[in-house]
Amino acid sequence: MEAIKLTGPVSWQEVDDERGEIIDALIRLNDGNPEELVVDTELDNYRYHIKLRSSDGLHFYGTWTCQSPSSNGEASGRLYRSRDGYFFFGQWTEEHIKNYWWMDLDIE
């Protein structure tokens, strides 16, 4: 059996019942590779539009906007694929505060 040594950071985020709902989400592909991730989501009656782009199909960078109240910020992360769908994990910046955020995306 072969062993592979792994390194990297580990973090914890408090788990609570506050979860947003994905209203609409799609991944645009270029030659089979994810190039753009566009998501509309809602949390506590606030609707967010998220648009992220990637040059390598794994790392995504972009922005989010919220119309009411009017606010915006940056978002980034990694998109992982499994046979059931995608998992996205990254950082969300709002009012100069960085948060971890994630989405569990099923293929329809």
Protein backbone atom coordinates (compact mmCIF):
# COMPACT_ATOMS: atom_id res chain seq x y z
CA MET A 1 0.00 0.00 0.00
CA GLU A 2 1.31 3.42 -0.97
CA ALA A 3 1.02 6.41 1.37
CA ILE A 4 0.80 10.04 0.31
CA LYS A 5 1.76 12.75 2.80
CA LEU A 6 -0.72 15.65 2.95
CA THR A 7 -0.45 19.15 4.42
CA GLY A 8 -2.66 22.23 4.61
CA PRO A 9 -4.77 24.39 6.88
CA VAL A 10 -7.84 23.27 8.81
CA SER A 11 -10.65 25.52 10.05
CA TRP A 12 -14.02 25.17 11.73
CA GLN A 13 -17.15 27.21 11.19
CA GLU A 14 -19.97 27.18 13.72
CA VAL A 15 -22.96 25.23 12.40
CA ASP A 16 -26.37 26.80 12.84
CA ASP A 17 -29.79 26.56 11.25
CA GLU A 18 -29.34 29.64 9.06
CA ARG A 19 -29.06 28.42 5.48
CA GLY A 20 -29.80 30.14 2.22
CA GLU A 21 -31.74 28.63 -0.64
CA ILE A 22 -30.37 28.36 -4.16
CA ILE A 23 -32.95 29.88 -6.50
CA ASP A 24 -31.03 29.24 -9.72
CA ALA A 25 -27.52 28.01 -10.50
CA LEU A 26 -25.63 27.01 -13.59
CA ILE A 27 -22.13 26.15 -14.66
CA ARG A 28 -21.01 27.22 -18.12
CA LEU A 29 -18.48 24.88 -19.70
CA ASN A 30 -15.77 25.51 -22.27
CA ASP A 31 -14.53 22.30 -23.95
CA GLY A 32 -15.98 20.33 -21.01
CA ASN A 33 -14.22 22.39 -18.33
CA PRO A 34 -16.12 24.66 -15.91
CA GLU A 35 -15.48 28.28 -16.89
CA GLU A 36 -18.25 30.26 -15.21
CA LEU A 37 -20.46 29.70 -12.17
CA VAL A 38 -23.59 31.86 -11.84
CA VAL A 39 -25.84 31.55 -8.79
CA ASP A 40 -28.90 33.35 -7.45
CA THR A 41 -29.57 32.61 -3.81
CA GLU A 42 -31.77 33.94 -1.02
CA LEU A 43 -31.13 34.20 2.71
CA ASP A 44 -33.51 35.93 5.15
CA ASN A 45 -35.38 37.62 2.26
CA TYR A 46 -32.11 39.02 0.86
CA ARG A 47 -31.43 37.91 -2.70
CA TYR A 48 -27.83 37.58 -3.86
CA HIS A 49 -26.49 37.28 -7.41
CA ILE A 50 -23.07 35.61 -7.62
CA LYS A 51 -20.93 35.48 -10.76
CA LEU A 52 -17.58 33.68 -10.68
CA ARG A 53 -15.10 32.87 -13.48
CA SER A 54 -12.28 30.38 -13.75
CA SER A 55 -9.31 29.94 -16.06
CA ASP A 56 -8.44 26.42 -14.86
CA GLY A 57 -11.85 24.86 -14.04
CA LEU A 58 -11.01 24.58 -10.31
CA HIS A 59 -10.32 28.06 -8.89
CA PHE A 60 -13.12 30.62 -9.25
CA TYR A 61 -13.04 34.37 -8.59
CA GLY A 62 -15.69 37.03 -8.93
CA THR A 63 -18.30 39.19 -7.26
CA TRP A 64 -21.67 39.08 -5.59
CA THR A 65 -24.37 41.73 -5.41
CA CYS A 66 -27.44 42.23 -3.24
CA GLN A 67 -30.07 44.74 -4.38
CA SER A 68 -31.90 45.32 -1.11
CA PRO A 69 -30.06 46.54 0.85
CA SER A 70 -27.65 47.55 -1.87
CA SER A 71 -24.31 45.88 -1.21
CA ASN A 72 -21.62 43.93 -3.03
CA GLY A 73 -18.34 42.19 -2.48
CA GLU A 74 -15.88 39.60 -3.67
CA ALA A 75 -16.17 35.84 -3.62
CA SER A 76 -13.77 33.06 -4.52
CA GLY A 77 -13.29 29.36 -4.03
CA ARG A 78 -12.75 25.91 -5.48
CA LEU A 79 -15.23 23.80 -7.38
CA TYR A 80 -15.04 20.04 -6.79
CA ARG A 81 -16.90 17.50 -8.91
CA SER A 82 -18.28 14.10 -8.02
CA ARG A 83 -20.55 11.77 -9.95
CA ASP A 84 -23.57 13.29 -8.15
CA GLY A 85 -22.80 16.96 -8.74
CA TYR A 86 -20.49 19.68 -7.47
CA PHE A 87 -19.27 21.06 -4.16
CA PHE A 88 -18.01 24.63 -3.94
CA PHE A 89 -16.01 25.95 -0.98
CA GLY A 90 -14.41 29.36 -0.64
CA GLN A 91 -14.25 32.82 0.88
CA TRP A 92 -16.93 35.53 0.83
CA THR A 93 -16.03 39.14 1.68
CA GLU A 94 -18.78 41.38 3.04
CA GLU A 95 -18.16 44.75 4.72
CA HIS A 96 -14.41 43.96 4.82
CA ILE A 97 -15.06 40.72 6.74
CA LYS A 98 -14.02 37.40 5.19
CA ASN A 99 -16.34 34.44 5.70
CA TYR A 100 -16.20 30.84 4.60
CA TRP A 101 -19.07 29.77 2.35
CA TRP A 102 -20.04 26.63 0.50
CA MET A 103 -22.64 25.22 -1.85
CA ASP A 104 -23.66 21.62 -2.41
CA LEU A 105 -24.88 21.58 -6.02
CA ASP A 106 -26.82 18.64 -7.48
CA ILE A 107 -27.11 18.12 -11.23
CA GLU A 108 -30.74 18.24 -12.41
